[in-house]
Amino acid sequence: MTSSQHVYEVRPRKDHRGVDLISDALPFGRLRYTQVSHAIGYVQFYSRSHHAVIRVYNEAGNVIETHERCVDYFSVISRMSLTPMISRISRRFTAIACC
């Protein structure tokens, strides 16, 4: 099984008004945030099914923090396999209740 890994960069803006979140995985290439923690929270929430590496840079261009988001594939697979079964059961109970 091959896993995809997304790399995100959090860099300070040149106008000193927050930070930019930069990655090829983002739909528009970059997002603007007022705080570093908000950018990291976005990545942690939206990369639930992918491995992600977040690098935080300072104004000189040096990496000051690195965060890794690893995925627990067992929980992802179990959620994926249970979802169709749960929807089928709920449809049966709805059909029984309506009749």
N, C-alpha and C. Protein backbone atom coordinates (compact mmCIF):
# COMPACT_ATOMS: atom_id res chain seq x y z
N MET A 1 0.85 -1.18 0.00
CA MET A 1 0.00 0.00 0.00
C MET A 1 0.90 1.24 0.00
N THR A 2 0.67 2.12 -0.91
CA THR A 2 1.42 3.37 -0.94
C THR A 2 0.60 4.46 -0.29
N SER A 3 1.28 5.33 0.41
CA SER A 3 0.57 6.41 1.07
C SER A 3 1.02 7.74 0.47
N SER A 4 0.08 8.64 0.37
CA SER A 4 0.42 9.96 -0.13
C SER A 4 0.78 10.84 1.05
N GLN A 5 1.70 11.73 0.82
CA GLN A 5 2.13 12.64 1.87
C GLN A 5 2.08 14.06 1.33
N HIS A 6 1.45 14.92 2.08
CA HIS A 6 1.36 16.32 1.71
C HIS A 6 2.34 17.11 2.56
N VAL A 7 3.00 18.06 1.94
CA VAL A 7 3.95 18.93 2.64
C VAL A 7 3.38 20.35 2.63
N TYR A 8 3.29 20.94 3.81
CA TYR A 8 2.76 22.29 3.98
C TYR A 8 3.85 23.19 4.56
N GLU A 9 3.87 24.43 4.14
CA GLU A 9 4.80 25.41 4.67
C GLU A 9 4.01 26.57 5.25
N VAL A 10 4.39 26.99 6.45
CA VAL A 10 3.80 28.16 7.08
C VAL A 10 4.89 29.22 7.12
N ARG A 11 4.71 30.27 6.34
CA ARG A 11 5.72 31.34 6.22
C ARG A 11 5.12 32.68 6.60
N PRO A 12 5.92 33.53 7.27
CA PRO A 12 5.41 34.87 7.59
C PRO A 12 5.22 35.71 6.33
N ARG A 13 4.20 36.54 6.33
CA ARG A 13 3.93 37.40 5.18
C ARG A 13 4.93 38.55 5.16
N LYS A 14 5.23 39.02 3.96
CA LYS A 14 6.19 40.12 3.81
C LYS A 14 5.64 41.43 4.36
N ASP A 15 4.31 41.57 4.37
CA ASP A 15 3.72 42.79 4.92
C ASP A 15 3.51 42.72 6.43
N HIS A 16 4.00 41.63 7.08
CA HIS A 16 3.94 41.43 8.53
C HIS A 16 2.51 41.37 9.06
N ARG A 17 1.59 40.89 8.24
CA ARG A 17 0.19 40.75 8.66
C ARG A 17 -0.22 39.28 8.62
N GLY A 18 0.33 38.49 9.51
CA GLY A 18 -0.04 37.09 9.59
C GLY A 18 0.93 36.19 8.87
N VAL A 19 0.43 35.01 8.51
CA VAL A 19 1.26 34.00 7.85
C VAL A 19 0.52 33.45 6.64
N ASP A 20 1.28 32.86 5.73
CA ASP A 20 0.72 32.16 4.57
C ASP A 20 0.92 30.67 4.75
N LEU A 21 -0.11 29.91 4.46
CA LEU A 21 -0.02 28.45 4.42
C LEU A 21 0.12 28.08 2.95
N ILE A 22 1.23 27.43 2.60
CA ILE A 22 1.54 27.15 1.20
C ILE A 22 1.68 25.65 1.01
N SER A 23 1.06 25.11 -0.06
CA SER A 23 1.17 23.71 -0.39
C SER A 23 0.59 23.45 -1.77
N ASP A 24 1.07 22.38 -2.40
CA ASP A 24 0.47 21.95 -3.66
C ASP A 24 -0.88 21.28 -3.44
N ALA A 25 -1.14 20.84 -2.21
CA ALA A 25 -2.40 20.16 -1.90
C ALA A 25 -3.56 21.13 -1.75
N LEU A 26 -3.27 22.41 -1.58
CA LEU A 26 -4.33 23.39 -1.40
C LEU A 26 -4.95 23.76 -2.75
N PRO A 27 -6.25 24.01 -2.79
CA PRO A 27 -6.90 24.29 -4.08
C PRO A 27 -6.41 25.57 -4.75
N PHE A 28 -6.00 26.57 -3.98
CA PHE A 28 -5.57 27.84 -4.57
C PHE A 28 -4.09 28.12 -4.36
N GLY A 29 -3.34 27.16 -3.81
CA GLY A 29 -1.91 27.32 -3.63
C GLY A 29 -1.50 27.87 -2.29
N ARG A 30 -2.23 28.87 -1.78
CA ARG A 30 -1.88 29.43 -0.47
C ARG A 30 -3.11 30.00 0.21
N LEU A 31 -3.07 29.97 1.54
CA LEU A 31 -4.12 30.56 2.36
C LEU A 31 -3.48 31.52 3.35
N ARG A 32 -4.20 32.55 3.73
CA ARG A 32 -3.68 33.55 4.65
C ARG A 32 -4.32 33.37 6.02
N TYR A 33 -3.49 33.39 7.07
CA TYR A 33 -3.96 33.26 8.45
C TYR A 33 -3.33 34.34 9.31
N THR A 34 -4.00 34.69 10.40
CA THR A 34 -3.45 35.68 11.31
C THR A 34 -2.49 35.05 12.31
N GLN A 35 -2.66 33.76 12.60
CA GLN A 35 -1.80 33.08 13.57
C GLN A 35 -1.31 31.76 13.02
N VAL A 36 -0.13 31.36 13.47
CA VAL A 36 0.46 30.09 13.05
C VAL A 36 -0.41 28.92 13.51
N SER A 37 -0.97 29.01 14.72
CA SER A 37 -1.78 27.91 15.25
C SER A 37 -3.03 27.67 14.41
N HIS A 38 -3.60 28.71 13.82
CA HIS A 38 -4.78 28.53 12.97
C HIS A 38 -4.42 27.77 11.69
N ALA A 39 -3.27 28.07 11.12
CA ALA A 39 -2.82 27.38 9.91
C ALA A 39 -2.54 25.91 10.21
N ILE A 40 -1.91 25.62 11.34
CA ILE A 40 -1.62 24.24 11.72
C ILE A 40 -2.92 23.49 11.99
N GLY A 41 -3.87 24.14 12.63
CA GLY A 41 -5.17 23.51 12.88
C GLY A 41 -5.90 23.16 11.60
N TYR A 42 -5.83 24.02 10.60
CA TYR A 42 -6.45 23.75 9.30
C TYR A 42 -5.86 22.48 8.69
N VAL A 43 -4.53 22.38 8.70
CA VAL A 43 -3.87 21.21 8.11
C VAL A 43 -4.24 19.95 8.88
N GLN A 44 -4.23 20.02 10.19
CA GLN A 44 -4.55 18.83 10.98
C GLN A 44 -5.99 18.38 10.77
N PHE A 45 -6.90 19.31 10.55
CA PHE A 45 -8.29 18.93 10.33
C PHE A 45 -8.52 18.36 8.94
N TYR A 46 -7.96 19.01 7.90
CA TYR A 46 -8.24 18.60 6.54
C TYR A 46 -7.31 17.51 6.01
N SER A 47 -6.32 17.10 6.77
CA SER A 47 -5.45 16.01 6.31
C SER A 47 -5.70 14.75 7.11
N ARG A 48 -6.95 14.48 7.43
CA ARG A 48 -7.27 13.30 8.24
C ARG A 48 -6.94 12.00 7.52
N SER A 49 -7.01 11.96 6.20
CA SER A 49 -6.78 10.71 5.49
C SER A 49 -5.44 10.69 4.78
N HIS A 50 -4.57 11.64 5.04
CA HIS A 50 -3.25 11.69 4.41
C HIS A 50 -2.19 11.99 5.46
N HIS A 51 -1.00 11.46 5.22
CA HIS A 51 0.14 11.87 6.02
C HIS A 51 0.47 13.30 5.64
N ALA A 52 0.82 14.10 6.62
CA ALA A 52 1.14 15.50 6.34
C ALA A 52 2.35 15.93 7.16
N VAL A 53 3.18 16.74 6.55
CA VAL A 53 4.32 17.35 7.22
C VAL A 53 4.12 18.86 7.15
N ILE A 54 4.19 19.52 8.30
CA ILE A 54 4.01 20.96 8.37
C ILE A 54 5.33 21.57 8.84
N ARG A 55 5.87 22.46 8.04
CA ARG A 55 7.11 23.15 8.41
C ARG A 55 6.81 24.62 8.62
N VAL A 56 7.20 25.12 9.79
CA VAL A 56 6.99 26.53 10.13
C VAL A 56 8.33 27.24 9.98
N TYR A 57 8.35 28.31 9.20
CA TYR A 57 9.57 29.07 8.92
C TYR A 57 9.53 30.41 9.64
N ASN A 58 10.72 30.94 9.97
CA ASN A 58 10.80 32.28 10.52
C ASN A 58 11.07 33.27 9.38
N GLU A 59 11.26 34.53 9.71
CA GLU A 59 11.43 35.56 8.68
C GLU A 59 12.73 35.40 7.90
N ALA A 60 13.74 34.76 8.52
CA ALA A 60 15.02 34.55 7.84
C ALA A 60 14.97 33.36 6.88
N GLY A 61 13.89 32.59 6.94
CA GLY A 61 13.74 31.44 6.05
C GLY A 61 14.21 30.13 6.65
N ASN A 62 14.45 30.11 7.96
CA ASN A 62 14.88 28.90 8.65
C ASN A 62 13.68 28.18 9.24
N VAL A 63 13.73 26.84 9.24
CA VAL A 63 12.66 26.05 9.84
C VAL A 63 12.78 26.15 11.36
N ILE A 64 11.70 26.57 12.01
CA ILE A 64 11.73 26.68 13.47
C ILE A 64 10.87 25.60 14.14
N GLU A 65 9.90 25.03 13.41
CA GLU A 65 9.04 23.96 13.93
C GLU A 65 8.73 22.98 12.81
N THR A 66 8.57 21.72 13.18
CA THR A 66 8.11 20.71 12.23
C THR A 66 7.05 19.87 12.92
N HIS A 67 5.93 19.70 12.27
CA HIS A 67 4.84 18.87 12.78
C HIS A 67 4.58 17.77 11.76
N GLU A 68 4.35 16.55 12.26
CA GLU A 68 3.98 15.45 11.37
C GLU A 68 2.62 14.94 11.77
N ARG A 69 1.81 14.74 10.78
CA ARG A 69 0.46 14.20 11.00
C ARG A 69 0.41 12.84 10.36
N CYS A 70 0.38 11.80 11.19
CA CYS A 70 0.31 10.42 10.69
C CYS A 70 -1.13 9.93 10.78
N VAL A 71 -1.49 9.09 9.86
CA VAL A 71 -2.86 8.59 9.77
C VAL A 71 -2.92 7.19 10.33
N ASP A 72 -3.93 6.94 11.12
CA ASP A 72 -4.21 5.60 11.60
C ASP A 72 -5.13 4.94 10.57
N TYR A 73 -4.53 4.13 9.69
CA TYR A 73 -5.31 3.56 8.59
C TYR A 73 -6.40 2.62 9.06
N PHE A 74 -6.22 1.98 10.20
CA PHE A 74 -7.25 1.07 10.68
C PHE A 74 -8.54 1.82 10.97
N SER A 75 -8.43 2.99 11.61
CA SER A 75 -9.65 3.74 11.92
C SER A 75 -10.29 4.29 10.66
N VAL A 76 -9.48 4.71 9.67
CA VAL A 76 -10.03 5.21 8.41
C VAL A 76 -10.76 4.10 7.68
N ILE A 77 -10.15 2.92 7.60
CA ILE A 77 -10.77 1.79 6.89
C ILE A 77 -12.02 1.33 7.62
N SER A 78 -11.99 1.28 8.95
CA SER A 78 -13.19 0.83 9.67
C SER A 78 -14.33 1.81 9.50
N ARG A 79 -14.04 3.12 9.47
CA ARG A 79 -15.11 4.10 9.23
C ARG A 79 -15.66 3.96 7.83
N MET A 80 -14.78 3.70 6.85
CA MET A 80 -15.23 3.58 5.47
C MET A 80 -16.09 2.33 5.29
N SER A 81 -15.73 1.25 5.97
CA SER A 81 -16.49 0.01 5.78
C SER A 81 -17.80 0.02 6.56
N LEU A 82 -17.87 0.77 7.66
CA LEU A 82 -19.10 0.81 8.44
C LEU A 82 -20.13 1.78 7.89
N THR A 83 -19.72 2.78 7.16
CA THR A 83 -20.65 3.80 6.67
C THR A 83 -21.74 3.22 5.78
N PRO A 84 -21.42 2.38 4.77
CA PRO A 84 -22.51 1.83 3.95
C PRO A 84 -23.46 0.94 4.75
N MET A 85 -22.91 0.18 5.70
CA MET A 85 -23.75 -0.70 6.50
C MET A 85 -24.70 0.12 7.37
N ILE A 86 -24.22 1.19 7.96
CA ILE A 86 -25.06 2.03 8.81
C ILE A 86 -26.15 2.69 7.98
N SER A 87 -25.83 3.14 6.78
CA SER A 87 -26.85 3.79 5.96
C SER A 87 -27.91 2.79 5.50
N ARG A 88 -27.50 1.54 5.22
CA ARG A 88 -28.49 0.53 4.84
C ARG A 88 -29.42 0.21 6.00
N ILE A 89 -28.87 0.11 7.21
CA ILE A 89 -29.70 -0.18 8.38
C ILE A 89 -30.67 0.97 8.64
N SER A 90 -30.21 2.20 8.54
CA SER A 90 -31.11 3.34 8.79
C SER A 90 -32.21 3.41 7.74
N ARG A 91 -31.90 3.05 6.47
CA ARG A 91 -32.94 3.05 5.44
C ARG A 91 -34.00 1.98 5.73
N ARG A 92 -33.56 0.82 6.24
CA ARG A 92 -34.53 -0.24 6.55
C ARG A 92 -35.45 0.20 7.68
N PHE A 93 -34.89 0.82 8.73
CA PHE A 93 -35.72 1.26 9.83
C PHE A 93 -36.67 2.38 9.38
N THR A 94 -36.24 3.23 8.50
CA THR A 94 -37.10 4.30 8.00
C THR A 94 -38.23 3.69 7.17
N ALA A 95 -37.92 2.68 6.35
CA ALA A 95 -38.96 2.03 5.54
C ALA A 95 -39.97 1.31 6.43
N ILE A 96 -39.51 0.67 7.49
CA ILE A 96 -40.42 -0.04 8.41
C ILE A 96 -41.30 0.97 9.13
N ALA A 97 -40.71 2.10 9.56
CA ALA A 97 -41.47 3.09 10.31
C ALA A 97 -42.52 3.77 9.43
N CYS A 98 -42.24 3.90 8.13
CA CYS A 98 -43.17 4.59 7.24
C CYS A 98 -44.35 3.71 6.87
N CYS A 99 -44.19 2.44 6.89
CA CYS A 99 -45.26 1.53 6.40
C CYS A 99 -46.34 1.30 7.40
